[in-house]
Amino acid sequence: KTLFSFLNSEQIKKFVDYSHYLHLEVALAGSLHKEDLITVTALGADIAGVRGAACTNGDRTNVELKQKLVRELVDIVKGIKPQPAIKRA
């Protein structure tokens, strides 16, 4: 199961916004796939945990990071349009 199996986007957004209101940075993780990076960024996360997405067959137990997969993740992040800075109370 993934983060989105337990919380919907609206719930995550409320969590992120409230955490930022408290001057906290937010890291989101939970079996995220490379396709989730755009959504997680749009929800305002400061950090995304994608260990499984960078490993062979998504196997994070017998970790074998793959350079190709890491490069794909980097390319996705580089392609995400920066959001305007959020003014934190």
N, C-alpha and C. Protein backbone atom coordinates (compact mmCIF):
# COMPACT_ATOMS: atom_id res chain seq x y z
N LYS A 1 0.83 -1.18 0.00
CA LYS A 1 0.00 0.00 0.00
C LYS A 1 0.88 1.24 0.00
N THR A 2 0.30 2.34 -0.44
CA THR A 2 1.05 3.58 -0.54
C THR A 2 0.46 4.63 0.40
N LEU A 3 1.13 5.74 0.50
CA LEU A 3 0.63 6.87 1.28
C LEU A 3 -0.81 7.20 0.87
N PHE A 4 -1.07 7.15 -0.44
CA PHE A 4 -2.39 7.52 -0.95
C PHE A 4 -3.44 6.44 -0.70
N SER A 5 -3.05 5.28 -0.17
CA SER A 5 -4.00 4.26 0.25
C SER A 5 -4.61 4.61 1.60
N PHE A 6 -3.92 5.44 2.35
CA PHE A 6 -4.35 5.78 3.70
C PHE A 6 -4.90 7.19 3.83
N LEU A 7 -4.41 8.10 3.00
CA LEU A 7 -4.86 9.49 3.05
C LEU A 7 -5.13 9.96 1.63
N ASN A 8 -6.19 10.75 1.46
CA ASN A 8 -6.42 11.32 0.13
C ASN A 8 -5.68 12.65 0.02
N SER A 9 -5.66 13.20 -1.18
CA SER A 9 -4.89 14.42 -1.43
C SER A 9 -5.34 15.58 -0.55
N GLU A 10 -6.63 15.68 -0.31
CA GLU A 10 -7.14 16.78 0.53
C GLU A 10 -6.62 16.65 1.96
N GLN A 11 -6.61 15.44 2.50
CA GLN A 11 -6.10 15.22 3.85
C GLN A 11 -4.61 15.53 3.93
N ILE A 12 -3.88 15.10 2.93
CA ILE A 12 -2.44 15.36 2.91
C ILE A 12 -2.17 16.85 2.81
N LYS A 13 -2.92 17.54 1.96
CA LYS A 13 -2.75 18.99 1.80
C LYS A 13 -3.00 19.71 3.12
N LYS A 14 -4.04 19.32 3.84
CA LYS A 14 -4.32 19.93 5.16
C LYS A 14 -3.16 19.70 6.12
N PHE A 15 -2.62 18.49 6.12
CA PHE A 15 -1.48 18.16 6.97
C PHE A 15 -0.27 19.03 6.62
N VAL A 16 0.01 19.14 5.32
CA VAL A 16 1.16 19.93 4.86
C VAL A 16 0.97 21.40 5.23
N ASP A 17 -0.20 21.93 4.95
CA ASP A 17 -0.46 23.35 5.24
C ASP A 17 -0.36 23.64 6.73
N TYR A 18 -0.92 22.78 7.56
CA TYR A 18 -0.86 23.00 9.00
C TYR A 18 0.58 22.88 9.51
N SER A 19 1.31 21.92 8.99
CA SER A 19 2.72 21.76 9.38
C SER A 19 3.52 23.00 9.01
N HIS A 20 3.28 23.53 7.82
CA HIS A 20 3.97 24.76 7.40
C HIS A 20 3.55 25.93 8.28
N TYR A 21 2.29 25.98 8.66
CA TYR A 21 1.81 27.02 9.58
C TYR A 21 2.60 26.97 10.89
N LEU A 22 2.98 25.77 11.31
CA LEU A 22 3.77 25.59 12.53
C LEU A 22 5.27 25.73 12.29
N HIS A 23 5.63 26.19 11.09
CA HIS A 23 7.03 26.39 10.69
C HIS A 23 7.82 25.09 10.63
N LEU A 24 7.15 24.01 10.23
CA LEU A 24 7.80 22.72 10.08
C LEU A 24 7.99 22.40 8.60
N GLU A 25 9.05 21.69 8.30
CA GLU A 25 9.21 21.15 6.96
C GLU A 25 8.47 19.82 6.91
N VAL A 26 8.01 19.46 5.73
CA VAL A 26 7.22 18.24 5.58
C VAL A 26 7.90 17.28 4.62
N ALA A 27 8.09 16.06 5.09
CA ALA A 27 8.58 14.97 4.25
C ALA A 27 7.44 13.99 4.08
N LEU A 28 7.15 13.63 2.84
CA LEU A 28 6.11 12.64 2.56
C LEU A 28 6.77 11.42 1.94
N ALA A 29 6.36 10.26 2.40
CA ALA A 29 6.88 9.00 1.90
C ALA A 29 5.81 7.94 2.11
N GLY A 30 6.07 6.77 1.61
CA GLY A 30 5.14 5.67 1.78
C GLY A 30 4.90 4.98 0.45
N SER A 31 5.90 4.24 0.01
CA SER A 31 5.81 3.51 -1.26
C SER A 31 5.43 4.41 -2.43
N LEU A 32 6.02 5.59 -2.44
CA LEU A 32 5.77 6.52 -3.54
C LEU A 32 6.43 6.02 -4.81
N HIS A 33 5.76 6.22 -5.91
CA HIS A 33 6.29 5.90 -7.23
C HIS A 33 6.77 7.18 -7.88
N LYS A 34 7.56 7.03 -8.93
CA LYS A 34 8.09 8.22 -9.59
C LYS A 34 6.96 9.12 -10.08
N GLU A 35 5.84 8.54 -10.47
CA GLU A 35 4.70 9.32 -10.93
C GLU A 35 4.09 10.16 -9.81
N ASP A 36 4.33 9.79 -8.57
CA ASP A 36 3.77 10.50 -7.42
C ASP A 36 4.53 11.79 -7.09
N LEU A 37 5.73 11.95 -7.63
CA LEU A 37 6.55 13.12 -7.29
C LEU A 37 5.85 14.43 -7.64
N ILE A 38 5.19 14.48 -8.76
CA ILE A 38 4.50 15.70 -9.17
C ILE A 38 3.37 16.01 -8.19
N THR A 39 2.61 15.00 -7.81
CA THR A 39 1.50 15.19 -6.87
C THR A 39 2.00 15.62 -5.51
N VAL A 40 3.03 14.95 -5.01
CA VAL A 40 3.58 15.26 -3.69
C VAL A 40 4.13 16.70 -3.67
N THR A 41 4.74 17.10 -4.76
CA THR A 41 5.25 18.47 -4.86
C THR A 41 4.09 19.46 -4.90
N ALA A 42 3.06 19.15 -5.67
CA ALA A 42 1.90 20.04 -5.76
C ALA A 42 1.19 20.17 -4.42
N LEU A 43 1.28 19.16 -3.59
CA LEU A 43 0.66 19.21 -2.25
C LEU A 43 1.51 20.02 -1.28
N GLY A 44 2.72 20.41 -1.70
CA GLY A 44 3.54 21.30 -0.90
C GLY A 44 4.63 20.63 -0.08
N ALA A 45 4.88 19.34 -0.28
CA ALA A 45 5.92 18.65 0.48
C ALA A 45 7.28 19.28 0.21
N ASP A 46 8.08 19.36 1.25
CA ASP A 46 9.44 19.87 1.13
C ASP A 46 10.40 18.76 0.72
N ILE A 47 10.06 17.53 1.09
CA ILE A 47 10.91 16.37 0.84
C ILE A 47 10.00 15.21 0.43
N ALA A 48 10.46 14.39 -0.51
CA ALA A 48 9.73 13.19 -0.90
C ALA A 48 10.64 11.99 -0.73
N GLY A 49 10.16 10.98 -0.04
CA GLY A 49 10.92 9.75 0.15
C GLY A 49 10.54 8.75 -0.93
N VAL A 50 11.51 8.35 -1.73
CA VAL A 50 11.24 7.47 -2.87
C VAL A 50 12.22 6.30 -2.95
N ARG A 51 12.60 5.75 -1.82
CA ARG A 51 13.60 4.69 -1.81
C ARG A 51 13.24 3.55 -2.75
N GLY A 52 12.04 3.02 -2.63
CA GLY A 52 11.63 1.89 -3.46
C GLY A 52 11.65 2.22 -4.94
N ALA A 53 11.31 3.45 -5.28
CA ALA A 53 11.28 3.86 -6.69
C ALA A 53 12.67 3.91 -7.30
N ALA A 54 13.70 3.90 -6.48
CA ALA A 54 15.08 3.94 -6.98
C ALA A 54 15.75 2.58 -6.93
N CYS A 55 15.01 1.55 -6.51
CA CYS A 55 15.59 0.22 -6.35
C CYS A 55 15.06 -0.75 -7.41
N THR A 56 15.83 -1.78 -7.67
CA THR A 56 15.45 -2.81 -8.62
C THR A 56 14.09 -3.38 -8.26
N ASN A 57 13.18 -3.37 -9.20
CA ASN A 57 11.83 -3.92 -9.02
C ASN A 57 11.12 -3.34 -7.80
N GLY A 58 11.49 -2.15 -7.38
CA GLY A 58 10.86 -1.53 -6.23
C GLY A 58 11.15 -2.25 -4.92
N ASP A 59 12.13 -3.15 -4.91
CA ASP A 59 12.47 -3.95 -3.73
C ASP A 59 13.37 -3.15 -2.81
N ARG A 60 12.78 -2.61 -1.75
CA ARG A 60 13.55 -1.79 -0.82
C ARG A 60 14.15 -2.62 0.29
N THR A 61 13.81 -3.90 0.37
CA THR A 61 14.35 -4.78 1.41
C THR A 61 15.76 -5.24 1.02
N ASN A 62 15.88 -5.76 -0.17
CA ASN A 62 17.19 -6.19 -0.70
C ASN A 62 17.68 -5.07 -1.60
N VAL A 63 18.04 -3.97 -0.98
CA VAL A 63 18.30 -2.72 -1.69
C VAL A 63 19.42 -2.84 -2.70
N GLU A 64 19.07 -2.51 -3.92
CA GLU A 64 20.06 -2.37 -4.97
C GLU A 64 19.62 -1.15 -5.78
N LEU A 65 20.22 -0.02 -5.42
CA LEU A 65 19.90 1.22 -6.13
C LEU A 65 20.35 1.12 -7.57
N LYS A 66 19.52 1.64 -8.46
CA LYS A 66 19.85 1.62 -9.87
C LYS A 66 20.04 3.04 -10.36
N GLN A 67 21.21 3.29 -10.95
CA GLN A 67 21.54 4.63 -11.43
C GLN A 67 20.48 5.13 -12.41
N LYS A 68 20.01 4.27 -13.30
CA LYS A 68 19.00 4.66 -14.28
C LYS A 68 17.73 5.16 -13.59
N LEU A 69 17.30 4.46 -12.55
CA LEU A 69 16.08 4.85 -11.84
C LEU A 69 16.29 6.16 -11.08
N VAL A 70 17.46 6.31 -10.48
CA VAL A 70 17.77 7.56 -9.77
C VAL A 70 17.77 8.71 -10.77
N ARG A 71 18.37 8.51 -11.94
CA ARG A 71 18.40 9.55 -12.98
C ARG A 71 16.99 9.93 -13.40
N GLU A 72 16.09 8.95 -13.54
CA GLU A 72 14.69 9.24 -13.90
C GLU A 72 14.03 10.11 -12.83
N LEU A 73 14.28 9.79 -11.57
CA LEU A 73 13.71 10.57 -10.47
C LEU A 73 14.24 12.00 -10.49
N VAL A 74 15.54 12.14 -10.72
CA VAL A 74 16.16 13.46 -10.78
C VAL A 74 15.55 14.26 -11.94
N ASP A 75 15.39 13.62 -13.09
CA ASP A 75 14.83 14.31 -14.25
C ASP A 75 13.39 14.77 -13.97
N ILE A 76 12.62 13.96 -13.29
CA ILE A 76 11.24 14.35 -12.94
C ILE A 76 11.27 15.57 -12.04
N VAL A 77 12.11 15.53 -11.01
CA VAL A 77 12.18 16.66 -10.07
C VAL A 77 12.65 17.92 -10.78
N LYS A 78 13.62 17.79 -11.64
CA LYS A 78 14.11 18.96 -12.38
C LYS A 78 13.03 19.55 -13.28
N GLY A 79 12.12 18.70 -13.77
CA GLY A 79 11.07 19.16 -14.67
C GLY A 79 9.87 19.76 -13.97
N ILE A 80 9.82 19.64 -12.65
CA ILE A 80 8.68 20.18 -11.91
C ILE A 80 8.83 21.69 -11.82
N LYS A 81 7.81 22.38 -12.23
CA LYS A 81 7.83 23.84 -12.21
C LYS A 81 7.83 24.32 -10.76
N PRO A 82 8.78 25.17 -10.39
CA PRO A 82 8.81 25.65 -9.01
C PRO A 82 7.53 26.40 -8.64
N GLN A 83 7.05 26.14 -7.44
CA GLN A 83 5.87 26.83 -6.93
C GLN A 83 6.32 28.12 -6.26
N PRO A 84 5.48 29.15 -6.29
CA PRO A 84 5.84 30.38 -5.59
C PRO A 84 6.03 30.09 -4.09
N ALA A 85 6.95 30.79 -3.49
CA ALA A 85 7.21 30.59 -2.06
C ALA A 85 5.94 30.85 -1.27
N ILE A 86 5.70 29.98 -0.30
CA ILE A 86 4.53 30.14 0.55
C ILE A 86 4.93 31.00 1.74
N LYS A 87 4.16 32.02 1.98
CA LYS A 87 4.42 32.87 3.14
C LYS A 87 3.90 32.14 4.37
N ARG A 88 4.80 31.81 5.25
CA ARG A 88 4.42 31.06 6.45
C ARG A 88 4.22 32.01 7.59
N ALA A 89 3.10 31.85 8.28
CA ALA A 89 2.74 32.74 9.38
C ALA A 89 3.69 32.62 10.55
